Structure formats: structure tokens, C-alpha cells
PDB file of N, CA and C in Angstrom:
ATOM      1  N   MET A   1       0.845  -1.179   0.000  1.00  0.00           N
ATOM      2  CA  MET A   1       0.000   0.000   0.000  1.00  0.00           C
ATOM      3  C   MET A   1       0.884   1.234   0.000  1.00  0.00           C
ATOM      4  N   ARG A   2       0.542   2.178  -0.820  1.00  0.00           N
ATOM      5  CA  ARG A   2       1.359   3.386  -0.876  1.00  0.00           C
ATOM      6  C   ARG A   2       0.928   4.382   0.191  1.00  0.00           C
ATOM      7  N   THR A   3       1.782   5.350   0.419  1.00  0.00           N
ATOM      8  CA  THR A   3       1.435   6.467   1.281  1.00  0.00           C
ATOM      9  C   THR A   3       1.332   7.687   0.388  1.00  0.00           C
ATOM     10  N   TYR A   4       0.835   8.759   0.937  1.00  0.00           N
ATOM     11  CA  TYR A   4       0.535   9.914   0.110  1.00  0.00           C
ATOM     12  C   TYR A   4       1.300  11.139   0.576  1.00  0.00           C
ATOM     13  N   GLY A   5       2.195  11.637  -0.267  1.00  0.00           N
ATOM     14  CA  GLY A   5       2.865  12.899  -0.040  1.00  0.00           C
ATOM     15  C   GLY A   5       2.287  13.871  -1.050  1.00  0.00           C
ATOM     16  N   LEU A   6       1.218  14.515  -0.691  1.00  0.00           N
ATOM     17  CA  LEU A   6       0.446  15.284  -1.661  1.00  0.00           C
ATOM     18  C   LEU A   6       0.715  16.780  -1.635  1.00  0.00           C
ATOM     19  N   GLY A   7       1.681  17.190  -0.881  1.00  0.00           N
ATOM     20  CA  GLY A   7       1.937  18.625  -0.842  1.00  0.00           C
ATOM     21  C   GLY A   7       0.896  19.353  -0.028  1.00  0.00           C
ATOM     22  N   ARG A   8       0.308  20.364  -0.612  1.00  0.00           N
ATOM     23  CA  ARG A   8      -0.593  21.254   0.120  1.00  0.00           C
ATOM     24  C   ARG A   8      -2.037  20.756   0.096  1.00  0.00           C
ATOM     25  N   ILE A   9      -2.307  19.694   0.787  1.00  0.00           N
ATOM     26  CA  ILE A   9      -3.695  19.258   0.893  1.00  0.00           C
ATOM     27  C   ILE A   9      -4.293  19.850   2.159  1.00  0.00           C
ATOM     28  N   ARG A  10      -5.594  19.887   2.204  1.00  0.00           N
ATOM     29  CA  ARG A  10      -6.310  20.402   3.366  1.00  0.00           C
ATOM     30  C   ARG A  10      -6.392  19.326   4.438  1.00  0.00           C
ATOM     31  N   SER A  11      -6.515  19.758   5.679  1.00  0.00           N
ATOM     32  CA  SER A  11      -6.564  18.789   6.779  1.00  0.00           C
ATOM     33  C   SER A  11      -7.745  17.836   6.623  1.00  0.00           C
ATOM     34  N   LEU A  12      -8.864  18.324   6.131  1.00  0.00           N
ATOM     35  CA  LEU A  12     -10.036  17.472   5.930  1.00  0.00           C
ATOM     36  C   LEU A  12      -9.732  16.363   4.924  1.00  0.00           C
ATOM     37  N   GLN A  13      -9.010  16.702   3.869  1.00  0.00           N
ATOM     38  CA  GLN A  13      -8.609  15.707   2.880  1.00  0.00           C
ATOM     39  C   GLN A  13      -7.661  14.684   3.512  1.00  0.00           C
ATOM     40  N   MET A  14      -6.742  15.173   4.320  1.00  0.00           N
ATOM     41  CA  MET A  14      -5.786  14.296   4.990  1.00  0.00           C
ATOM     42  C   MET A  14      -6.496  13.345   5.952  1.00  0.00           C
ATOM     43  N   TYR A  15      -7.490  13.849   6.687  1.00  0.00           N
ATOM     44  CA  TYR A  15      -8.217  12.986   7.620  1.00  0.00           C
ATOM     45  C   TYR A  15      -8.852  11.802   6.892  1.00  0.00           C
ATOM     46  N   VAL A  16      -9.465  12.073   5.740  1.00  0.00           N
ATOM     47  CA  VAL A  16     -10.141  10.993   5.014  1.00  0.00           C
ATOM     48  C   VAL A  16      -9.121   9.990   4.480  1.00  0.00           C
ATOM     49  N   LEU A  17      -8.018  10.481   3.936  1.00  0.00           N
ATOM     50  CA  LEU A  17      -6.979   9.557   3.471  1.00  0.00           C
ATOM     51  C   LEU A  17      -6.409   8.741   4.634  1.00  0.00           C
ATOM     52  N   ASN A  18      -6.144   9.404   5.739  1.00  0.00           N
ATOM     53  CA  ASN A  18      -5.618   8.679   6.901  1.00  0.00           C
ATOM     54  C   ASN A  18      -6.637   7.694   7.460  1.00  0.00           C
ATOM     55  N   LEU A  19      -7.910   8.019   7.351  1.00  0.00           N
ATOM     56  CA  LEU A  19      -8.962   7.099   7.786  1.00  0.00           C
ATOM     57  C   LEU A  19      -8.850   5.766   7.048  1.00  0.00           C
ATOM     58  N   GLY A  20      -8.368   5.831   5.823  1.00  0.00           N
ATOM     59  CA  GLY A  20      -8.161   4.620   5.036  1.00  0.00           C
ATOM     60  C   GLY A  20      -6.821   3.948   5.280  1.00  0.00           C
ATOM     61  N   GLY A  21      -6.008   4.537   6.166  1.00  0.00           N
ATOM     62  CA  GLY A  21      -4.704   3.964   6.472  1.00  0.00           C
ATOM     63  C   GLY A  21      -3.584   4.475   5.594  1.00  0.00           C
ATOM     64  N   ALA A  22      -3.779   5.627   4.962  1.00  0.00           N
ATOM     65  CA  ALA A  22      -2.807   6.127   3.994  1.00  0.00           C
ATOM     66  C   ALA A  22      -1.537   6.688   4.615  1.00  0.00           C
ATOM     67  N   LEU A  23      -1.587   7.200   5.813  1.00  0.00           N
ATOM     68  CA  LEU A  23      -0.445   7.847   6.461  1.00  0.00           C
ATOM     69  C   LEU A  23       0.149   8.951   5.593  1.00  0.00           C
ATOM     70  N   CYS A  24      -0.566  10.021   5.432  1.00  0.00           N
ATOM     71  CA  CYS A  24      -0.111  11.154   4.627  1.00  0.00           C
ATOM     72  C   CYS A  24       1.216  11.687   5.140  1.00  0.00           C
ATOM     73  N   GLY A  25       2.125  11.906   4.217  1.00  0.00           N
ATOM     74  CA  GLY A  25       3.401  12.512   4.555  1.00  0.00           C
ATOM     75  C   GLY A  25       4.466  11.553   5.042  1.00  0.00           C
ATOM     76  N   VAL A  26       4.148  10.274   5.144  1.00  0.00           N
ATOM     77  CA  VAL A  26       5.127   9.286   5.615  1.00  0.00           C
ATOM     78  C   VAL A  26       5.554   8.430   4.422  1.00  0.00           C
ATOM     79  N   PRO A  27       6.862   8.343   4.151  1.00  0.00           N
ATOM     80  CA  PRO A  27       7.313   7.494   3.044  1.00  0.00           C
ATOM     81  C   PRO A  27       6.847   6.051   3.238  1.00  0.00           C
ATOM     82  N   GLY A  28       6.441   5.413   2.158  1.00  0.00           N
ATOM     83  CA  GLY A  28       5.889   4.065   2.218  1.00  0.00           C
ATOM     84  C   GLY A  28       6.776   3.057   2.911  1.00  0.00           C
ATOM     85  N   ASP A  29       8.091   3.171   2.719  1.00  0.00           N
ATOM     86  CA  ASP A  29       8.988   2.197   3.333  1.00  0.00           C
ATOM     87  C   ASP A  29       9.181   2.439   4.831  1.00  0.00           C
ATOM     88  N   MET A  30       8.679   3.563   5.333  1.00  0.00           N
ATOM     89  CA  MET A  30       8.795   3.858   6.765  1.00  0.00           C
ATOM     90  C   MET A  30       7.468   3.664   7.504  1.00  0.00           C
ATOM     91  N   ALA A  31       6.409   3.419   6.765  1.00  0.00           N
ATOM     92  CA  ALA A  31       5.079   3.290   7.364  1.00  0.00           C
ATOM     93  C   ALA A  31       4.922   1.916   8.011  1.00  0.00           C
ATOM     94  N   LYS A  32       4.625   1.925   9.296  1.00  0.00           N
ATOM     95  CA  LYS A  32       4.394   0.679  10.023  1.00  0.00           C
ATOM     96  C   LYS A  32       2.890   0.461  10.156  1.00  0.00           C
ATOM     97  N   GLU A  33       2.510  -0.794  10.214  1.00  0.00           N
ATOM     98  CA  GLU A  33       1.088  -1.130  10.302  1.00  0.00           C
ATOM     99  C   GLU A  33       0.431  -0.513  11.535  1.00  0.00           C
ATOM    100  N   GLU A  34       1.102  -0.559  12.673  1.00  0.00           N
ATOM    101  CA  GLU A  34       0.511   0.017  13.890  1.00  0.00           C
ATOM    102  C   GLU A  34       0.352   1.533  13.772  1.00  0.00           C
ATOM    103  N   ASP A  35       1.243   2.181  13.004  1.00  0.00           N
ATOM    104  CA  ASP A  35       1.104   3.623  12.772  1.00  0.00           C
ATOM    105  C   ASP A  35      -0.112   3.916  11.898  1.00  0.00           C
ATOM    106  N   ARG A  36      -0.347   3.055  10.920  1.00  0.00           N
ATOM    107  CA  ARG A  36      -1.532   3.214  10.063  1.00  0.00           C
ATOM    108  C   ARG A  36      -2.814   3.090  10.895  1.00  0.00           C
ATOM    109  N   ILE A  37      -2.850   2.080  11.763  1.00  0.00           N
ATOM    110  CA  ILE A  37      -4.031   1.851  12.602  1.00  0.00           C
ATOM    111  C   ILE A  37      -4.255   3.049  13.521  1.00  0.00           C
ATOM    112  N   ASP A  38      -3.185   3.542  14.113  1.00  0.00           N
ATOM    113  CA  ASP A  38      -3.284   4.704  14.994  1.00  0.00           C
ATOM    114  C   ASP A  38      -3.771   5.932  14.219  1.00  0.00           C
ATOM    115  N   ALA A  39      -3.249   6.129  13.017  1.00  0.00           N
ATOM    116  CA  ALA A  39      -3.675   7.261  12.184  1.00  0.00           C
ATOM    117  C   ALA A  39      -5.151   7.140  11.811  1.00  0.00           C
ATOM    118  N   MET A  40      -5.608   5.928  11.551  1.00  0.00           N
ATOM    119  CA  MET A  40      -7.020   5.709  11.230  1.00  0.00           C
ATOM    120  C   MET A  40      -7.901   6.115  12.406  1.00  0.00           C
ATOM    121  N   ARG A  41      -7.524   5.708  13.587  1.00  0.00           N
ATOM    122  CA  ARG A  41      -8.317   6.019  14.785  1.00  0.00           C
ATOM    123  C   ARG A  41      -8.351   7.520  15.042  1.00  0.00           C
ATOM    124  N   LYS A  42      -7.202   8.169  14.927  1.00  0.00           N
ATOM    125  CA  LYS A  42      -7.137   9.616  15.135  1.00  0.00           C
ATOM    126  C   LYS A  42      -7.941  10.364  14.071  1.00  0.00           C
ATOM    127  N   ALA A  43      -7.858   9.898  12.833  1.00  0.00           N
ATOM    128  CA  ALA A  43      -8.606  10.540  11.749  1.00  0.00           C
ATOM    129  C   ALA A  43     -10.109  10.421  11.981  1.00  0.00           C
ATOM    130  N   LEU A  44     -10.560   9.256  12.434  1.00  0.00           N
ATOM    131  CA  LEU A  44     -11.984   9.077  12.710  1.00  0.00           C
ATOM    132  C   LEU A  44     -12.446  10.047  13.788  1.00  0.00           C
ATOM    133  N   LEU A  45     -11.685  10.140  14.858  1.00  0.00           N
ATOM    134  CA  LEU A  45     -12.053  11.066  15.934  1.00  0.00           C
ATOM    135  C   LEU A  45     -12.073  12.510  15.440  1.00  0.00           C
ATOM    136  N   SER A  46     -11.106  12.883  14.621  1.00  0.00           N
ATOM    137  CA  SER A  46     -11.058  14.246  14.079  1.00  0.00           C
ATOM    138  C   SER A  46     -12.260  14.526  13.192  1.00  0.00           C
ATOM    139  N   LEU A  47     -12.602  13.578  12.333  1.00  0.00           N
ATOM    140  CA  LEU A  47     -13.764  13.758  11.450  1.00  0.00           C
ATOM    141  C   LEU A  47     -15.057  13.850  12.254  1.00  0.00           C
ATOM    142  N   GLN A  48     -15.195  13.010  13.258  1.00  0.00           N
ATOM    143  CA  GLN A  48     -16.397  13.047  14.095  1.00  0.00           C
ATOM    144  C   GLN A  48     -16.521  14.380  14.819  1.00  0.00           C
ATOM    145  N   GLU A  49     -15.423  14.854  15.387  1.00  0.00           N
ATOM    146  CA  GLU A  49     -15.448  16.127  16.114  1.00  0.00           C
ATOM    147  C   GLU A  49     -15.735  17.297  15.182  1.00  0.00           C
ATOM    148  N   LEU A  50     -15.108  17.288  14.026  1.00  0.00           N
ATOM    149  CA  LEU A  50     -15.250  18.391  13.082  1.00  0.00           C
ATOM    150  C   LEU A  50     -16.649  18.472  12.479  1.00  0.00           C
ATOM    151  N   THR A  51     -17.210  17.316  12.129  1.00  0.00           N
ATOM    152  CA  THR A  51     -18.475  17.308  11.389  1.00  0.00           C
ATOM    153  C   THR A  51     -19.702  17.017  12.245  1.00  0.00           C
ATOM    154  N   GLY A  52     -19.511  16.388  13.395  1.00  0.00           N
ATOM    155  CA  GLY A  52     -20.649  15.962  14.198  1.00  0.00           C
ATOM    156  C   GLY A  52     -21.324  14.720  13.632  1.00  0.00           C
ATOM    157  N   GLN A  53     -20.715  14.100  12.641  1.00  0.00           N
ATOM    158  CA  GLN A  53     -21.246  12.893  12.001  1.00  0.00           C
ATOM    159  C   GLN A  53     -20.434  11.682  12.441  1.00  0.00           C
ATOM    160  N   ASP A  54     -20.998  10.495  12.230  1.00  0.00           N
ATOM    161  CA  ASP A  54     -20.263   9.272  12.520  1.00  0.00           C
ATOM    162  C   ASP A  54     -20.606   8.209  11.484  1.00  0.00           C
ATOM    163  N   PHE A  55     -19.721   8.079  10.517  1.00  0.00           N
ATOM    164  CA  PHE A  55     -19.858   7.029   9.508  1.00  0.00           C
ATOM    165  C   PHE A  55     -18.849   5.919   9.772  1.00  0.00           C
ATOM    166  N   GLY A  56     -18.301   5.916  10.973  1.00  0.00           N
ATOM    167  CA  GLY A  56     -17.306   4.907  11.309  1.00  0.00           C
ATOM    168  C   GLY A  56     -16.139   4.970  10.340  1.00  0.00           C
ATOM    169  N   TYR A  57     -15.645   3.810   9.958  1.00  0.00           N
ATOM    170  CA  TYR A  57     -14.502   3.739   9.049  1.00  0.00           C
ATOM    171  C   TYR A  57     -14.939   3.582   7.593  1.00  0.00           C
ATOM    172  N   ASP A  58     -16.170   3.933   7.290  1.00  0.00           N
ATOM    173  CA  ASP A  58     -16.686   3.799   5.931  1.00  0.00           C
ATOM    174  C   ASP A  58     -16.206   4.973   5.073  1.00  0.00           C
ATOM    175  N   LEU A  59     -15.119   4.745   4.354  1.00  0.00           N
ATOM    176  CA  LEU A  59     -14.522   5.801   3.528  1.00  0.00           C
ATOM    177  C   LEU A  59     -15.487   6.347   2.491  1.00  0.00           C
ATOM    178  N   GLU A  60     -16.216   5.457   1.872  1.00  0.00           N
ATOM    179  CA  GLU A  60     -17.136   5.877   0.818  1.00  0.00           C
ATOM    180  C   GLU A  60     -18.205   6.821   1.364  1.00  0.00           C
ATOM    181  N   LYS A  61     -18.759   6.504   2.519  1.00  0.00           N
ATOM    182  CA  LYS A  61     -19.779   7.378   3.112  1.00  0.00           C
ATOM    183  C   LYS A  61     -19.198   8.731   3.500  1.00  0.00           C
ATOM    184  N   TRP A  62     -18.013   8.723   4.114  1.00  0.00           N
ATOM    185  CA  TRP A  62     -17.371   9.994   4.469  1.00  0.00           C
ATOM    186  C   TRP A  62     -17.108  10.822   3.214  1.00  0.00           C
ATOM    187  N   HIS A  63     -16.567  10.187   2.192  1.00  0.00           N
ATOM    188  CA  HIS A  63     -16.233  10.863   0.935  1.00  0.00           C
ATOM    189  C   HIS A  63     -17.477  11.507   0.321  1.00  0.00           C
ATOM    190  N   HIS A  64     -18.553  10.761   0.236  1.00  0.00           N
ATOM    191  CA  HIS A  64     -19.787  11.298  -0.358  1.00  0.00           C
ATOM    192  C   HIS A  64     -20.397  12.392   0.516  1.00  0.00           C
ATOM    193  N   PHE A  65     -20.383  12.198   1.818  1.00  0.00           N
ATOM    194  CA  PHE A  65     -20.925  13.220   2.715  1.00  0.00           C
ATOM    195  C   PHE A  65     -20.167  14.531   2.563  1.00  0.00           C
ATOM    196  N   LEU A  66     -18.850  14.470   2.612  1.00  0.00           N
ATOM    197  CA  LEU A  66     -18.048  15.690   2.553  1.00  0.00           C
ATOM    198  C   LEU A  66     -18.156  16.379   1.196  1.00  0.00           C
ATOM    199  N   GLN A  67     -18.300  15.605   0.130  1.00  0.00           N
ATOM    200  CA  GLN A  67     -18.465  16.184  -1.205  1.00  0.00           C
ATOM    201  C   GLN A  67     -19.801  16.897  -1.357  1.00  0.00           C
ATOM    202  N   SER A  68     -20.816  16.418  -0.680  1.00  0.00           N
ATOM    203  CA  SER A  68     -22.160  16.973  -0.868  1.00  0.00           C
ATOM    204  C   SER A  68     -22.582  17.942   0.233  1.00  0.00           C
ATOM    205  N   SER A  69     -21.809  18.048   1.285  1.00  0.00           N
ATOM    206  CA  SER A  69     -22.159  18.906   2.414  1.00  0.00           C
ATOM    207  C   SER A  69     -21.935  20.379   2.078  1.00  0.00           C
ATOM    208  N   ASP A  70     -22.956  21.191   2.278  1.00  0.00           N
ATOM    209  CA  ASP A  70     -22.798  22.631   2.060  1.00  0.00           C
ATOM    210  C   ASP A  70     -21.703  23.201   2.953  1.00  0.00           C
ATOM    211  N   GLU A  71     -21.595  22.679   4.150  1.00  0.00           N
ATOM    212  CA  GLU A  71     -20.632  23.202   5.114  1.00  0.00           C
ATOM    213  C   GLU A  71     -19.188  22.799   4.805  1.00  0.00           C
ATOM    214  N   PHE A  72     -18.979  21.595   4.285  1.00  0.00           N
ATOM    215  CA  PHE A  72     -17.622  21.075   4.138  1.00  0.00           C
ATOM    216  C   PHE A  72     -17.146  20.920   2.694  1.00  0.00           C
ATOM    217  N   LYS A  73     -18.040  21.045   1.733  1.00  0.00           N
ATOM    218  CA  LYS A  73     -17.702  20.780   0.333  1.00  0.00           C
ATOM    219  C   LYS A  73     -16.520  21.610  -0.167  1.00  0.00           C
ATOM    220  N   ASN A  74     -16.553  22.917   0.043  1.00  0.00           N
ATOM    221  CA  ASN A  74     -15.483  23.771  -0.487  1.00  0.00           C
ATOM    222  C   ASN A  74     -14.121  23.423   0.096  1.00  0.00           C
ATOM    223  N   ASN A  75     -14.082  23.123   1.357  1.00  0.00           N
ATOM    224  CA  ASN A  75     -12.821  22.755   1.991  1.00  0.00           C
ATOM    225  C   ASN A  75     -12.352  21.383   1.510  1.00  0.00           C
ATOM    226  N   TYR A  76     -13.262  20.432   1.439  1.00  0.00           N
ATOM    227  CA  TYR A  76     -12.895  19.069   1.072  1.00  0.00           C
ATOM    228  C   TYR A  76     -12.484  18.960  -0.392  1.00  0.00           C
ATOM    229  N   THR A  77     -13.158  19.674  -1.262  1.00  0.00           N
ATOM    230  CA  THR A  77     -12.875  19.575  -2.695  1.00  0.00           C
ATOM    231  C   THR A  77     -11.924  20.672  -3.168  1.00  0.00           C
ATOM    232  N   ASN A  78     -11.230  21.310  -2.253  1.00  0.00           N
ATOM    233  CA  ASN A  78     -10.281  22.364  -2.595  1.00  0.00           C
ATOM    234  C   ASN A  78      -9.290  21.865  -3.630  1.00  0.00           C
ATOM    235  N   ARG A  79      -8.961  22.721  -4.558  1.00  0.00           N
ATOM    236  CA  ARG A  79      -8.138  22.319  -5.706  1.00  0.00           C
ATOM    237  C   ARG A  79      -6.767  21.766  -5.334  1.00  0.00           C
ATOM    238  N   TYR A  80      -6.221  22.159  -4.192  1.00  0.00           N
ATOM    239  CA  TYR A  80      -4.903  21.649  -3.807  1.00  0.00           C
ATOM    240  C   TYR A  80      -5.002  20.161  -3.492  1.00  0.00           C
ATOM    241  N   GLY A  81      -4.450  19.375  -4.363  1.00  0.00           N
ATOM    242  CA  GLY A  81      -4.403  17.945  -4.126  1.00  0.00           C
ATOM    243  C   GLY A  81      -5.694  17.187  -4.393  1.00  0.00           C
ATOM    244  N   TRP A  82      -6.768  17.872  -4.826  1.00  0.00           N
ATOM    245  CA  TRP A  82      -8.068  17.221  -4.942  1.00  0.00           C
ATOM    246  C   TRP A  82      -8.047  16.026  -5.886  1.00  0.00           C
ATOM    247  N   THR A  83      -7.426  16.173  -7.050  1.00  0.00           N
ATOM    248  CA  THR A  83      -7.388  15.062  -8.003  1.00  0.00           C
ATOM    249  C   THR A  83      -6.692  13.854  -7.382  1.00  0.00           C
ATOM    250  N   ALA A  84      -5.554  14.100  -6.745  1.00  0.00           N
ATOM    251  CA  ALA A  84      -4.822  13.002  -6.106  1.00  0.00           C
ATOM    252  C   ALA A  84      -5.604  12.419  -4.932  1.00  0.00           C
ATOM    253  N   VAL A  85      -6.324  13.273  -4.204  1.00  0.00           N
ATOM    254  CA  VAL A  85      -7.140  12.794  -3.086  1.00  0.00           C
ATOM    255  C   VAL A  85      -8.222  11.846  -3.607  1.00  0.00           C
ATOM    256  N   CYS A  86      -8.896  12.223  -4.677  1.00  0.00           N
ATOM    257  CA  CYS A  86      -9.947  11.357  -5.251  1.00  0.00           C
ATOM    258  C   CYS A  86      -9.380  10.010  -5.685  1.00  0.00           C
ATOM    259  N   VAL A  87      -8.247  10.040  -6.351  1.00  0.00           N
ATOM    260  CA  VAL A  87      -7.602   8.793  -6.769  1.00  0.00           C
ATOM    261  C   VAL A  87      -7.236   7.965  -5.536  1.00  0.00           C
ATOM    262  N   GLY A  88      -6.674   8.632  -4.535  1.00  0.00           N
ATOM    263  CA  GLY A  88      -6.287   7.938  -3.307  1.00  0.00           C
ATOM    264  C   GLY A  88      -7.458   7.292  -2.601  1.00  0.00           C
ATOM    265  N   ILE A  89      -8.575   8.006  -2.509  1.00  0.00           N
ATOM    266  CA  ILE A  89      -9.770   7.456  -1.852  1.00  0.00           C
ATOM    267  C   ILE A  89     -10.248   6.212  -2.592  1.00  0.00           C
ATOM    268  N   LYS A  90     -10.287   6.281  -3.914  1.00  0.00           N
ATOM    269  CA  LYS A  90     -10.727   5.118  -4.701  1.00  0.00           C
ATOM    270  C   LYS A  90      -9.789   3.932  -4.487  1.00  0.00           C
ATOM    271  N   GLU A  91      -8.482   4.203  -4.442  1.00  0.00           N
ATOM    272  CA  GLU A  91      -7.519   3.124  -4.189  1.00  0.00           C
ATOM    273  C   GLU A  91      -7.724   2.519  -2.804  1.00  0.00           C
ATOM    274  N   LEU A  92      -7.943   3.376  -1.824  1.00  0.00           N
ATOM    275  CA  LEU A  92      -8.117   2.893  -0.454  1.00  0.00           C
ATOM    276  C   LEU A  92      -9.403   2.085  -0.297  1.00  0.00           C
ATOM    277  N   ILE A  93     -10.475   2.517  -0.943  1.00  0.00           N
ATOM    278  CA  ILE A  93     -11.736   1.780  -0.883  1.00  0.00           C
ATOM    279  C   ILE A  93     -11.554   0.384  -1.478  1.00  0.00           C
ATOM    280  N   ALA A  94     -10.774   0.300  -2.556  1.00  0.00           N
ATOM    281  CA  ALA A  94     -10.559  -0.981  -3.232  1.00  0.00           C
ATOM    282  C   ALA A  94      -9.467  -1.830  -2.577  1.00  0.00           C
ATOM    283  N   ASP A  95      -8.705  -1.265  -1.662  1.00  0.00           N
ATOM    284  CA  ASP A  95      -7.583  -1.963  -1.032  1.00  0.00           C
ATOM    285  C   ASP A  95      -8.073  -3.184  -0.254  1.00  0.00           C
ATOM    286  N   LYS A  96      -7.535  -4.341  -0.612  1.00  0.00           N
ATOM    287  CA  LYS A  96      -7.960  -5.590   0.032  1.00  0.00           C
ATOM    288  C   LYS A  96      -7.610  -5.643   1.517  1.00  0.00           C
ATOM    289  N   ASP A  97      -6.660  -4.846   1.953  1.00  0.00           N
ATOM    290  CA  ASP A  97      -6.268  -4.837   3.365  1.00  0.00           C
ATOM    291  C   ASP A  97      -7.076  -3.861   4.210  1.00  0.00           C
ATOM    292  N   HIS A  98      -7.901  -3.038   3.578  1.00  0.00           N
ATOM    293  CA  HIS A  98      -8.620  -2.007   4.328  1.00  0.00           C
ATOM    294  C   HIS A  98      -9.555  -2.605   5.385  1.00  0.00           C
ATOM    295  N   SER A  99     -10.316  -3.625   5.030  1.00  0.00           N
ATOM    296  CA  SER A  99     -11.263  -4.194   6.001  1.00  0.00           C
ATOM    297  C   SER A  99     -10.525  -4.814   7.190  1.00  0.00           C
ATOM    298  N   ARG A 100      -9.361  -5.399   6.939  1.00  0.00           N
ATOM    299  CA  ARG A 100      -8.555  -5.955   8.035  1.00  0.00           C
ATOM    300  C   ARG A 100      -8.074  -4.836   8.956  1.00  0.00           C
ATOM    301  N   ARG A 101      -7.646  -3.729   8.371  1.00  0.00           N
ATOM    302  CA  ARG A 101      -7.197  -2.591   9.186  1.00  0.00           C
ATOM    303  C   ARG A 101      -8.347  -2.008   9.997  1.00  0.00           C
ATOM    304  N   VAL A 102      -9.523  -1.943   9.391  1.00  0.00           N
ATOM    305  CA  VAL A 102     -10.698  -1.436  10.110  1.00  0.00           C
ATOM    306  C   VAL A 102     -10.975  -2.314  11.326  1.00  0.00           C
ATOM    307  N   GLU A 103     -10.932  -3.624  11.146  1.00  0.00           N
ATOM    308  CA  GLU A 103     -11.155  -4.537  12.272  1.00  0.00           C
ATOM    309  C   GLU A 103     -10.138  -4.298  13.382  1.00  0.00           C
ATOM    310  N   LEU A 104      -8.881  -4.119  13.018  1.00  0.00           N
ATOM    311  CA  LEU A 104      -7.839  -3.865  14.016  1.00  0.00           C
ATOM    312  C   LEU A 104      -8.065  -2.532  14.724  1.00  0.00           C
ATOM    313  N   ALA A 105      -8.442  -1.513  13.980  1.00  0.00           N
ATOM    314  CA  ALA A 105      -8.694  -0.196  14.581  1.00  0.00           C
ATOM    315  C   ALA A 105      -9.877  -0.266  15.537  1.00  0.00           C
ATOM    316  N   GLN A 106     -10.925  -0.985  15.151  1.00  0.00           N
ATOM    317  CA  GLN A 106     -12.097  -1.120  16.019  1.00  0.00           C
ATOM    318  C   GLN A 106     -11.762  -1.927  17.267  1.00  0.00           C
ATOM    319  N   GLN A 107     -10.980  -2.983  17.107  1.00  0.00           N
ATOM    320  CA  GLN A 107     -10.556  -3.800  18.250  1.00  0.00           C
ATOM    321  C   GLN A 107      -9.795  -2.959  19.253  1.00  0.00           C
ATOM    322  N   THR A 108      -8.862  -2.186  18.761  1.00  0.00           N
ATOM    323  CA  THR A 108      -8.038  -1.356  19.632  1.00  0.00           C
ATOM    324  C   THR A 108      -8.891  -0.345  20.374  1.00  0.00           C
ATOM    325  N   MET A 109      -9.867   0.237  19.695  1.00  0.00           N
ATOM    326  CA  MET A 109     -10.755   1.208  20.341  1.00  0.00           C
ATOM    327  C   MET A 109     -11.603   0.521  21.410  1.00  0.00           C
ATOM    328  N   ASP A 110     -12.116  -0.672  21.094  1.00  0.00           N
ATOM    329  CA  ASP A 110     -12.940  -1.416  22.047  1.00  0.00           C
ATOM    330  C   ASP A 110     -12.138  -1.795  23.291  1.00  0.00           C
ATOM    331  N   GLU A 111     -10.881  -2.158  23.096  1.00  0.00           N
ATOM    332  CA  GLU A 111     -10.031  -2.550  24.222  1.00  0.00           C
ATOM    333  C   GLU A 111      -9.759  -1.376  25.155  1.00  0.00           C
ATOM    334  N   GLU A 112      -9.717  -0.171  24.610  1.00  0.00           N
ATOM    335  CA  GLU A 112      -9.428   1.009  25.425  1.00  0.00           C
ATOM    336  C   GLU A 112     -10.641   1.480  26.219  1.00  0.00           C
ATOM    337  N   MET A 113     -11.815   1.047  25.825  1.00  0.00           N
ATOM    338  CA  MET A 113     -13.034   1.508  26.499  1.00  0.00           C
ATOM    339  C   MET A 113     -13.320   0.715  27.733  1.00  0.00           C
TER     340      MET A 113
END
């Protein structure tokens, strides 16, 4: 799985990519699985706090919500990095390891509660 060094992306875009385990800004050969899981959990909490919504780790739902939301659309679809963000989201949704990472992230959250 690749990581994303997209330059000037918005934090909202980064949260969604990290929710998928992308680890924005970390070279692929340095990305550890536990770091991806931690980034996913932090991204989910950030998205929940920012939007007041909870789509869990469902990237597709978050992506569609943010694209269609009057409040978040302009920030999420900002031209900086948007094309790469869209490609990244599609790759992450199709990633065969994503569901396994989601299970690990949920397990870790459940254990902490």
C-alpha cells in the first residue's frame, strides 16, 4: 500500500486519506502497520469532532458526505491535491487490506473503552 505525499492538501482531505490507512506525509517504506491503525483512529475522531457525524470507518460514506455537504464541500474539494485525493480514496476503498485494518482499529478502540 502506498502512502501519500500530496503537498498542500487540506486537513479534511488528509483525515479521510488517513482514515483509510494512507499515512499522509510518511514514506511508504517507513510506514508501520501500527502507525496506520493509529492514524485511522485519530482521523476518525477528528472527522467526528469536526463534522458531528459518525460514519465509522466507511470511507465511501465519508467521501460522499463531505463532497455533498454545504458546510464542508469547499474545503474538502479544494483544488490543492483534490485530483490526487480522489484517486487515493478510490484506491483505499478498493484496497484488500482495508477491512482488516478497520477490524484492528475497532478492536483497539474497544479494548481502550
